[in-house]
Amino acid sequence: MRFLRRRWYVVAGVVVLGLWGTCHALRGTSAAEGAVVATVARGPFTATVTTSGELRAKESVQINAPAEAMQVGAWQMRISSLVPEGTVVKAGDVVAEIDRSTLGTRLTDVSLELQKAQAQYEQAALDSALTLSQAREAIRTDTLDLEAKRLTKDQAVYEAPTVQRQAEIDLERAQRALAQAHSDLQTRTEQAQAKMREMSTEVERQRNLQKQIQDVLAAFTIRAPAPGMVIYVREWNGKKRTSGSQVYAYDPGVATLPDLTHMESITYVNEIDVRRVAVGQPVAVTLDADPTKHLTGKVASVANVGEQRPNTDAKVFEVHITILQSDTTLRPGMTTGNAIETLRVPDALTIPLEAMFSDSGVAYAYRLAGGGVVKQEIAAGEMNDHDVIVARGLAQGDRVLMVPPADAARLTLVRLPGGTRAGTAGHAAPRRDTTPPAAPAARGR
């Protein structure tokens, strides 16, 4: 009887222990029941900066309004017509026409000034001819007067001394008058020549100006300097220059003929991500016009100074991405998607960003262990848009919760060996555990 009673105690103890183990297992199972769980994975890890950009030819021939327009006073010109963008032209084909109305008025004014200068030249020639003719006539008159005075002096040898002296004075006076007449002729000749040179210069100046305007007007029919595809240029505000747009002497570009065999994507990276972008990094390039096409590129340059683009508040940095393939379907102005690879780790442990939390600068994850959950501190490394590298704290195959468990407030943080406080790196911040605190309670049994 005593033996049976002891046996009953043993059986009862085994049943109690079994029930306790079952309840404990059920508690552990309920901790993860209904929660989204992720597995710590090992494999290659890449971090990218994704931007949109616009294709542009690395080299191009610019089609300009005539540079001589500035010399004739045409500082601002209007494009009256322009071939459609994308038109393939040969060298010498007409690309654009510049409005001639303003310069046509200028040509009319210059033509009138030329006519006026020519009339003044002819008038000056007539005046000079008349003046010189009068001077020569005065010389002939003085020559005859001198001859008469000389005869009078010769005849006065038989006259009284006073008469002879008077004859000598008259002769000397006639000689001086003739000499003065010759001097006047020389002076008037030089004056006439100077006047004619002045008028001739004015006529030539107006004639040259007229020819320059005529040449510029002829150049207002703008032709392609080389074969290629016409691409509109952009103004300072980003708008394309089309028919009706203004062209300036200091900015004469009308269109470009790009070299389609060497293309690049111009993009802008915000100031938060630009520190991770460097020259030489590989880029995966896609086209909005053809999402199935995948191209490879390389970062060619990163601006040192940021700028503020129109209609945006954030500062951005211009980045040039060289397209490594030559593709005949690429066209300037196409929108590209650029995934700049800023980091590649061939072998790393990673968890989803949603599975990492932080509190007071300490990063941690909720790891499933046995039948319960462990609030485990982790050493987080680089991040991308989806995952984060775990340097310490977790192992491959560990399972972590994507959301805090119901009893998260009662869990005690398991620190890393050595008390190292894990920091975070990359461009994304771990989620802060917002589970409301609860009253202290004993964890488990």
Protein backbone atom coordinates (compact mmCIF):
# COMPACT_ATOMS: atom_id res chain seq x y z
CA MET A 1 0.00 0.00 0.00
CA ARG A 2 2.83 2.30 0.84
CA PHE A 3 4.47 1.40 -2.47
CA LEU A 4 1.33 2.33 -4.43
CA ARG A 5 1.11 5.66 -2.62
CA ARG A 6 4.70 6.49 -3.57
CA ARG A 7 4.06 5.48 -7.15
CA TRP A 8 1.05 7.78 -7.23
CA TYR A 9 3.21 10.71 -6.03
CA VAL A 10 5.75 10.10 -8.78
CA VAL A 11 3.06 9.95 -11.46
CA ALA A 12 1.48 13.14 -10.16
CA GLY A 13 4.85 14.90 -10.16
CA VAL A 14 5.51 13.83 -13.76
CA VAL A 15 2.09 15.10 -14.82
CA VAL A 16 2.67 18.46 -13.10
CA LEU A 17 6.06 18.86 -14.74
CA GLY A 18 4.57 17.98 -18.10
CA LEU A 19 1.79 20.48 -17.70
CA TRP A 20 4.30 23.18 -16.67
CA GLY A 21 6.47 22.48 -19.72
CA THR A 22 3.46 22.55 -22.01
CA CYS A 23 2.30 25.87 -20.58
CA HIS A 24 5.78 27.32 -20.90
CA ALA A 25 6.01 26.17 -24.51
CA LEU A 26 2.59 27.63 -25.23
CA ARG A 27 3.70 30.98 -23.69
CA GLY A 28 6.77 31.00 -25.94
CA THR A 29 4.72 30.14 -28.95
CA SER A 30 2.23 32.89 -28.23
CA ALA A 31 5.06 35.45 -28.09
CA ALA A 32 5.64 35.06 -31.80
CA GLU A 33 2.13 34.05 -32.75
CA GLY A 34 0.74 36.38 -35.39
CA ALA A 35 4.01 38.37 -35.61
CA VAL A 36 6.02 38.86 -38.81
CA VAL A 37 9.34 37.09 -38.45
CA ALA A 38 12.52 37.56 -40.53
CA THR A 39 15.57 35.32 -40.72
CA VAL A 40 19.12 36.64 -40.42
CA ALA A 41 20.61 36.04 -43.85
CA ARG A 42 24.19 35.87 -45.10
CA GLY A 43 25.20 36.98 -48.57
CA PRO A 44 26.33 39.91 -50.70
CA PHE A 45 25.18 43.36 -49.62
CA THR A 46 24.97 46.50 -51.75
CA ALA A 47 23.99 50.06 -50.88
CA THR A 48 22.76 52.42 -53.57
CA VAL A 49 21.71 56.02 -54.02
CA THR A 50 18.82 56.22 -56.48
CA THR A 51 18.17 59.38 -58.49
CA SER A 52 16.55 60.45 -61.73
CA GLY A 53 18.54 62.22 -64.40
CA GLU A 54 18.52 63.41 -67.97
CA LEU A 55 20.60 62.18 -70.88
CA ARG A 56 22.96 64.58 -72.58
CA ALA A 57 25.69 64.20 -75.16
CA LYS A 58 29.20 64.58 -73.75
CA GLU A 59 30.26 66.41 -76.90
CA SER A 60 28.17 68.45 -79.30
CA VAL A 61 28.40 71.13 -81.98
CA GLN A 62 26.49 74.26 -81.03
CA ILE A 63 24.48 76.13 -83.62
CA ASN A 64 24.68 79.86 -82.87
CA ALA A 65 23.16 83.07 -84.10
CA PRO A 66 25.73 85.12 -86.11
CA ALA A 67 28.45 86.48 -83.83
CA GLU A 68 28.74 89.61 -86.00
CA ALA A 69 25.24 90.69 -84.91
CA MET A 70 26.73 92.41 -81.88
CA GLN A 71 28.91 94.59 -84.12
CA VAL A 72 25.87 96.01 -85.87
CA GLY A 73 23.91 96.65 -82.68
CA ALA A 74 21.77 93.50 -82.65
CA TRP A 75 22.15 92.59 -78.97
CA GLN A 76 18.85 90.74 -78.74
CA MET A 77 17.32 88.61 -81.49
CA ARG A 78 14.13 86.58 -81.76
CA ILE A 79 13.91 83.12 -83.32
CA SER A 80 11.13 83.31 -85.88
CA SER A 81 11.26 79.64 -86.91
CA LEU A 82 13.12 76.52 -85.81
CA VAL A 83 13.02 72.98 -87.18
CA PRO A 84 11.36 70.41 -84.87
CA GLU A 85 13.59 68.95 -82.19
CA GLY A 86 15.00 65.58 -83.24
CA THR A 87 15.22 66.51 -86.93
CA VAL A 88 18.20 64.85 -88.61
CA VAL A 89 19.98 67.39 -90.83
CA LYS A 90 22.93 67.43 -93.19
CA ALA A 91 25.66 70.05 -93.22
CA GLY A 92 24.25 73.22 -94.84
CA ASP A 93 20.58 72.46 -94.15
CA VAL A 94 18.50 75.34 -92.80
CA VAL A 95 17.92 74.93 -89.08
CA ALA A 96 16.44 78.25 -87.97
CA GLU A 97 15.44 81.74 -89.08
CA ILE A 98 16.04 84.88 -87.02
CA ASP A 99 13.52 87.72 -87.13
CA ARG A 100 14.84 90.41 -89.50
CA SER A 101 12.47 93.25 -88.65
CA THR A 102 14.66 95.09 -86.14
CA LEU A 103 17.83 94.78 -88.19
CA GLY A 104 15.91 95.60 -91.37
CA THR A 105 15.02 98.99 -89.88
CA ARG A 106 18.65 99.44 -88.95
CA LEU A 107 19.67 98.65 -92.53
CA THR A 108 17.26 101.32 -93.86
CA ASP A 109 18.73 103.93 -91.51
CA VAL A 110 22.28 103.04 -92.50
CA SER A 111 21.38 103.18 -96.21
CA LEU A 112 20.00 106.70 -95.72
CA GLU A 113 23.16 107.71 -93.85
CA LEU A 114 25.24 106.32 -96.72
CA GLN A 115 23.29 108.33 -99.26
CA LYS A 116 23.71 111.43 -97.11
CA ALA A 117 27.45 110.84 -96.81
CA GLN A 118 27.78 110.32 -100.57
CA ALA A 119 25.88 113.57 -101.22
CA GLN A 120 28.14 115.42 -98.78
CA TYR A 121 31.18 113.94 -100.51
CA GLU A 122 29.97 115.13 -103.89
CA GLN A 123 29.18 118.59 -102.46
CA ALA A 124 32.62 118.79 -100.90
CA ALA A 125 34.19 117.83 -104.22
CA LEU A 126 32.29 120.62 -105.99
CA ASP A 127 33.20 123.16 -103.29
CA SER A 128 36.84 122.19 -103.47
CA ALA A 129 36.89 122.43 -107.24
CA LEU A 130 35.32 125.94 -107.11
CA THR A 131 37.66 127.16 -104.37
CA LEU A 132 40.77 125.89 -106.15
CA SER A 133 39.58 127.33 -109.44
CA GLN A 134 39.21 130.75 -107.80
CA ALA A 135 42.68 130.43 -106.28
CA ARG A 136 44.24 129.59 -109.63
CA GLU A 137 42.43 132.51 -111.25
CA ALA A 138 43.81 134.82 -108.57
CA ILE A 139 47.33 133.58 -109.38
CA ARG A 140 46.86 134.30 -113.07
CA THR A 141 45.56 137.79 -112.26
CA ASP A 142 48.46 138.52 -109.90
CA THR A 143 50.90 137.20 -112.52
CA LEU A 144 49.59 139.65 -115.10
CA ASP A 145 49.62 142.48 -112.55
CA LEU A 146 53.23 141.65 -111.72
CA GLU A 147 54.15 141.81 -115.39
CA ALA A 148 52.48 145.21 -115.74
CA LYS A 149 54.29 146.57 -112.70
CA ARG A 150 57.59 145.33 -114.07
CA LEU A 151 56.99 147.19 -117.36
CA THR A 152 56.07 150.35 -115.47
CA LYS A 153 59.33 150.18 -113.49
CA ASP A 154 61.37 149.71 -116.65
CA GLN A 155 59.77 152.79 -118.21
CA ALA A 156 60.32 154.89 -115.08
CA VAL A 157 64.12 155.06 -115.65
CA TYR A 158 63.67 158.34 -117.42
CA GLU A 159 61.33 159.74 -114.80
CA ALA A 160 61.99 161.60 -111.64
CA PRO A 161 63.45 159.61 -108.71
CA THR A 162 60.15 159.71 -106.84
CA VAL A 163 58.35 158.17 -109.80
CA GLN A 164 61.02 155.48 -110.07
CA ARG A 165 60.69 154.73 -106.36
CA GLN A 166 56.94 154.41 -106.64
CA ALA A 167 57.33 152.00 -109.57
CA GLU A 168 59.69 149.86 -107.47
CA ILE A 169 57.23 149.77 -104.58
CA ASP A 170 54.37 148.75 -106.87
CA LEU A 171 56.51 145.98 -108.39
CA GLU A 172 57.47 144.62 -104.97
CA ARG A 173 53.85 144.71 -103.86
CA ALA A 174 52.81 142.74 -107.00
CA GLN A 175 55.53 140.16 -106.35
CA ARG A 176 54.34 139.64 -102.76
CA ALA A 177 50.73 139.37 -103.90
CA LEU A 178 51.67 136.66 -106.41
CA ALA A 179 53.63 134.73 -103.76
CA GLN A 180 50.65 134.95 -101.37
CA ALA A 181 48.34 133.70 -104.11
CA HIS A 182 50.56 130.64 -104.63
CA SER A 183 50.60 130.00 -100.88
CA ASP A 184 46.81 130.32 -100.68
CA LEU A 185 46.44 127.82 -103.51
CA GLN A 186 48.64 125.33 -101.66
CA THR A 187 46.70 125.78 -98.41
CA ARG A 188 43.30 125.50 -100.08
CA THR A 189 44.46 122.40 -101.95
CA GLU A 190 45.46 120.74 -98.67
CA GLN A 191 42.19 121.78 -97.05
CA ALA A 192 40.20 120.34 -99.96
CA GLN A 193 42.16 117.09 -99.80
CA ALA A 194 41.55 116.80 -96.02
CA LYS A 195 37.86 117.49 -96.45
CA MET A 196 37.60 114.91 -99.20
CA ARG A 197 39.42 112.32 -97.09
CA GLU A 198 37.02 112.98 -94.21
CA MET A 199 33.96 112.64 -96.40
CA SER A 200 35.41 109.60 -98.13
CA THR A 201 36.02 107.95 -94.74
CA GLU A 202 32.43 108.59 -93.69
CA VAL A 203 31.14 107.18 -96.96
CA GLU A 204 33.35 104.10 -96.57
CA ARG A 205 32.27 103.64 -92.95
CA GLN A 206 28.59 103.75 -93.85
CA ARG A 207 29.20 101.45 -96.81
CA ASN A 208 31.01 98.90 -94.61
CA LEU A 209 28.27 99.10 -91.99
CA GLN A 210 25.69 98.53 -94.67
CA LYS A 211 27.58 95.48 -95.92
CA GLN A 212 27.94 94.11 -92.37
CA ILE A 213 24.22 94.42 -91.78
CA GLN A 214 23.48 92.77 -95.11
CA ASP A 215 25.86 89.91 -94.23
CA VAL A 216 24.26 89.49 -90.80
CA LEU A 217 20.79 89.50 -92.34
CA ALA A 218 21.94 86.79 -94.72
CA ALA A 219 23.36 84.85 -91.74
CA PHE A 220 19.98 85.08 -90.01
CA THR A 221 19.17 82.04 -92.09
CA ILE A 222 21.04 79.66 -89.80
CA ARG A 223 22.40 76.49 -91.37
CA ALA A 224 23.78 73.33 -89.80
CA PRO A 225 27.59 73.41 -89.61
CA ALA A 226 27.72 69.58 -89.54
CA PRO A 227 25.39 66.62 -89.93
CA GLY A 228 23.48 65.43 -86.87
CA MET A 229 20.25 65.53 -84.90
CA VAL A 230 18.91 68.93 -83.84
CA ILE A 231 18.45 69.27 -80.07
CA TYR A 232 17.12 72.47 -78.50
CA VAL A 233 19.33 74.25 -76.00
CA ARG A 234 18.10 75.13 -72.52
CA GLU A 235 17.99 78.61 -71.08
CA TRP A 236 19.10 79.54 -67.57
CA ASN A 237 15.65 78.70 -66.18
CA GLY A 238 15.66 75.20 -67.70
CA LYS A 239 13.16 75.96 -70.48
CA LYS A 240 14.02 74.94 -74.01
CA ARG A 241 14.72 77.65 -76.56
CA THR A 242 12.12 77.34 -79.33
CA SER A 243 10.40 79.49 -81.96
CA GLY A 244 9.67 82.88 -80.43
CA SER A 245 12.49 82.64 -77.87
CA GLN A 246 15.06 85.40 -77.52
CA VAL A 247 18.73 84.92 -78.38
CA TYR A 248 21.32 87.27 -76.95
CA ALA A 249 24.73 88.36 -78.19
CA TYR A 250 26.34 86.94 -75.03
CA ASP A 251 24.28 83.71 -75.24
CA PRO A 252 23.85 83.02 -78.98
CA GLY A 253 22.98 79.30 -78.81
CA VAL A 254 20.01 78.28 -80.95
CA ALA A 255 20.38 74.47 -80.98
CA THR A 256 23.00 71.74 -80.74
CA LEU A 257 24.10 68.78 -82.82
CA PRO A 258 25.09 66.19 -80.20
CA ASP A 259 27.45 63.25 -80.64
CA LEU A 260 25.04 60.41 -79.85
CA THR A 261 27.83 57.83 -79.51
CA HIS A 262 29.04 59.31 -76.21
CA MET A 263 26.25 60.04 -73.75
CA GLU A 264 26.04 60.94 -70.07
CA SER A 265 23.28 61.32 -67.51
CA ILE A 266 23.11 64.57 -65.56
CA THR A 267 21.54 64.06 -62.15
CA TYR A 268 21.33 65.82 -58.81
CA VAL A 269 21.99 64.14 -55.45
CA ASN A 270 20.68 65.66 -52.23
CA GLU A 271 23.13 66.89 -49.64
CA ILE A 272 22.37 63.99 -47.29
CA ASP A 273 23.45 61.29 -49.77
CA VAL A 274 26.18 63.10 -51.72
CA ARG A 275 28.85 62.25 -49.12
CA ARG A 276 28.49 58.60 -50.13
CA VAL A 277 28.88 59.28 -53.86
CA ALA A 278 32.38 59.24 -55.36
CA VAL A 279 33.99 59.32 -58.80
CA GLY A 280 34.36 55.86 -60.32
CA GLN A 281 31.39 54.20 -58.60
CA PRO A 282 29.33 51.89 -60.86
CA VAL A 283 25.82 52.91 -61.81
CA ALA A 284 22.87 50.89 -63.09
CA VAL A 285 20.98 53.08 -65.57
CA THR A 286 17.44 52.55 -66.79
CA LEU A 287 15.31 54.54 -69.22
CA ASP A 288 11.81 55.74 -68.43
CA ALA A 289 11.04 55.46 -72.14
CA ASP A 290 12.09 51.77 -72.19
CA PRO A 291 12.10 50.15 -68.72
CA THR A 292 13.33 46.87 -70.22
CA LYS A 293 16.62 48.44 -71.29
CA HIS A 294 19.41 48.29 -68.71
CA LEU A 295 22.64 50.20 -69.17
CA THR A 296 25.80 50.49 -67.12
CA GLY A 297 27.49 53.72 -66.19
CA LYS A 298 30.19 55.21 -64.01
CA VAL A 299 30.26 58.35 -61.89
CA ALA A 300 32.43 60.81 -63.81
CA SER A 301 32.26 63.88 -61.57
CA VAL A 302 30.62 65.17 -58.40
CA ALA A 303 30.14 68.91 -57.86
CA ASN A 304 31.98 70.41 -54.91
CA VAL A 305 29.39 73.14 -54.41
CA GLY A 306 25.67 72.58 -53.88
CA GLU A 307 22.91 74.49 -55.59
CA GLN A 308 19.19 75.02 -55.24
CA ARG A 309 17.19 73.89 -58.23
CA PRO A 310 14.03 75.74 -59.34
CA ASN A 311 10.87 74.89 -57.39
CA THR A 312 12.81 72.99 -54.70
CA ASP A 313 13.96 73.88 -51.21
CA ALA A 314 16.65 71.22 -50.73
CA LYS A 315 20.28 71.74 -51.70
CA VAL A 316 21.55 69.31 -54.33
CA PHE A 317 24.87 68.52 -55.99
CA GLU A 318 25.25 67.94 -59.71
CA VAL A 319 26.62 64.51 -60.66
CA HIS A 320 27.73 63.44 -64.15
CA ILE A 321 27.36 59.74 -65.01
CA THR A 322 29.10 58.43 -68.11
CA ILE A 323 27.11 55.81 -70.08
CA LEU A 324 29.55 53.03 -70.91
CA GLN A 325 27.58 51.51 -73.81
CA SER A 326 26.91 53.05 -77.18
CA ASP A 327 23.22 52.71 -78.03
CA THR A 328 21.57 54.19 -81.11
CA THR A 329 18.25 54.50 -79.29
CA LEU A 330 19.59 56.96 -76.72
CA ARG A 331 18.46 60.53 -77.23
CA PRO A 332 19.35 63.72 -75.34
CA GLY A 333 16.63 64.73 -72.92
CA MET A 334 15.53 61.19 -72.08
CA THR A 335 14.80 60.64 -68.39
CA THR A 336 16.98 58.05 -66.68
CA GLY A 337 16.84 56.18 -63.42
CA ASN A 338 20.29 55.99 -61.84
CA ALA A 339 21.15 53.50 -59.08
CA ILE A 340 24.62 54.56 -57.88
CA GLU A 341 26.32 51.69 -56.07
CA THR A 342 28.00 53.33 -53.10
CA LEU A 343 28.98 50.14 -51.24
CA ARG A 344 29.41 46.42 -51.99
CA VAL A 345 30.13 43.83 -49.30
CA PRO A 346 30.58 40.31 -50.73
CA ASP A 347 29.64 38.50 -47.51
CA ALA A 348 27.59 40.03 -44.70
CA LEU A 349 24.89 39.19 -42.16
CA THR A 350 21.78 41.29 -42.75
CA ILE A 351 18.33 41.81 -41.35
CA PRO A 352 15.48 43.97 -42.67
CA LEU A 353 15.50 47.57 -41.51
CA GLU A 354 12.09 46.98 -39.91
CA ALA A 355 13.66 44.42 -37.57
CA MET A 356 16.09 46.90 -36.02
CA PHE A 357 15.07 49.24 -33.21
CA SER A 358 16.93 51.75 -31.08
CA ASP A 359 16.70 53.44 -27.72
CA SER A 360 19.12 56.07 -26.41
CA GLY A 361 21.51 55.37 -29.26
CA VAL A 362 21.57 51.60 -28.70
CA ALA A 363 20.46 49.40 -31.59
CA TYR A 364 18.79 46.05 -30.83
CA ALA A 365 16.55 43.36 -32.28
CA TYR A 366 13.95 41.00 -30.84
CA ARG A 367 15.43 37.52 -31.37
CA LEU A 368 13.36 34.36 -30.96
CA ALA A 369 15.19 32.00 -28.62
CA GLY A 370 13.67 28.68 -27.62
CA GLY A 371 10.14 29.43 -26.60
CA GLY A 372 10.68 33.13 -25.81
CA VAL A 373 11.94 36.46 -27.15
CA VAL A 374 15.31 38.04 -26.35
CA LYS A 375 15.86 41.78 -26.62
CA GLN A 376 19.37 41.56 -28.11
CA GLU A 377 21.73 44.50 -28.60
CA ILE A 378 23.36 44.48 -32.06
CA ALA A 379 26.26 46.25 -33.73
CA ALA A 380 24.68 47.70 -36.86
CA GLY A 381 26.75 48.54 -39.90
CA GLU A 382 25.92 50.04 -43.31
CA MET A 383 22.35 50.23 -44.49
CA ASN A 384 20.56 50.35 -47.80
CA ASP A 385 16.92 51.00 -48.57
CA HIS A 386 15.83 47.58 -47.25
CA ASP A 387 18.46 45.88 -45.08
CA VAL A 388 21.12 46.63 -42.49
CA ILE A 389 24.38 44.82 -41.84
CA VAL A 390 24.67 43.20 -38.40
CA ALA A 391 28.33 43.06 -37.37
CA ARG A 392 27.69 41.45 -33.95
CA GLY A 393 24.81 40.28 -31.84
CA LEU A 394 23.08 37.88 -34.24
CA ALA A 395 24.02 34.75 -36.15
CA GLN A 396 23.02 33.36 -39.49
CA GLY A 397 19.65 31.65 -39.26
CA ASP A 398 18.48 33.57 -36.19
CA ARG A 399 14.87 34.63 -36.37
CA VAL A 400 13.92 38.22 -35.43
CA LEU A 401 10.60 39.98 -35.05
CA MET A 402 9.63 42.77 -37.39
CA VAL A 403 7.46 44.40 -34.71
CA PRO A 404 7.96 44.57 -30.94
CA PRO A 405 6.26 41.76 -28.95
CA ALA A 406 3.38 42.50 -26.61
CA ASP A 407 5.57 42.21 -23.52
CA ALA A 408 8.44 44.27 -24.96
CA ALA A 409 8.40 46.67 -22.00
CA ARG A 410 9.22 43.82 -19.58
CA LEU A 411 12.20 42.50 -21.58
CA THR A 412 15.68 43.29 -20.35
CA LEU A 413 18.25 44.34 -22.98
CA VAL A 414 20.98 41.73 -23.45
CA ARG A 415 24.15 43.72 -24.02
CA LEU A 416 27.01 42.76 -26.27
CA PRO A 417 30.15 41.34 -24.63
CA GLY A 418 32.41 44.11 -23.30
CA GLY A 419 29.52 46.55 -22.93
CA THR A 420 30.06 47.96 -26.43
CA ARG A 421 27.37 50.39 -27.44
CA ALA A 422 26.36 49.63 -31.00
CA GLY A 423 26.19 52.52 -33.35
CA THR A 424 24.43 52.80 -36.62
CA ALA A 425 25.77 53.79 -40.00
CA GLY A 426 24.31 54.49 -43.40
CA HIS A 427 21.55 56.80 -44.46
CA ALA A 428 18.57 55.30 -42.63
CA ALA A 429 17.92 55.37 -38.91
CA PRO A 430 16.69 52.34 -36.96
CA ARG A 431 13.13 52.41 -35.73
CA ARG A 432 12.67 53.58 -32.18
CA ASP A 433 10.75 51.14 -29.96
CA THR A 434 7.56 53.02 -29.05
CA THR A 435 6.02 50.28 -26.94
CA PRO A 436 4.55 52.01 -23.84
CA PRO A 437 6.30 51.13 -20.57
CA ALA A 438 4.59 48.76 -18.15
CA ALA A 439 4.92 48.07 -14.47
CA PRO A 440 7.92 45.88 -13.53
CA ALA A 441 7.08 42.21 -13.53
CA ALA A 442 8.93 38.97 -13.23
CA ARG A 443 9.99 37.57 -16.61
CA GLY A 444 8.98 33.94 -17.00
CA ARG A 445 9.00 31.39 -14.24
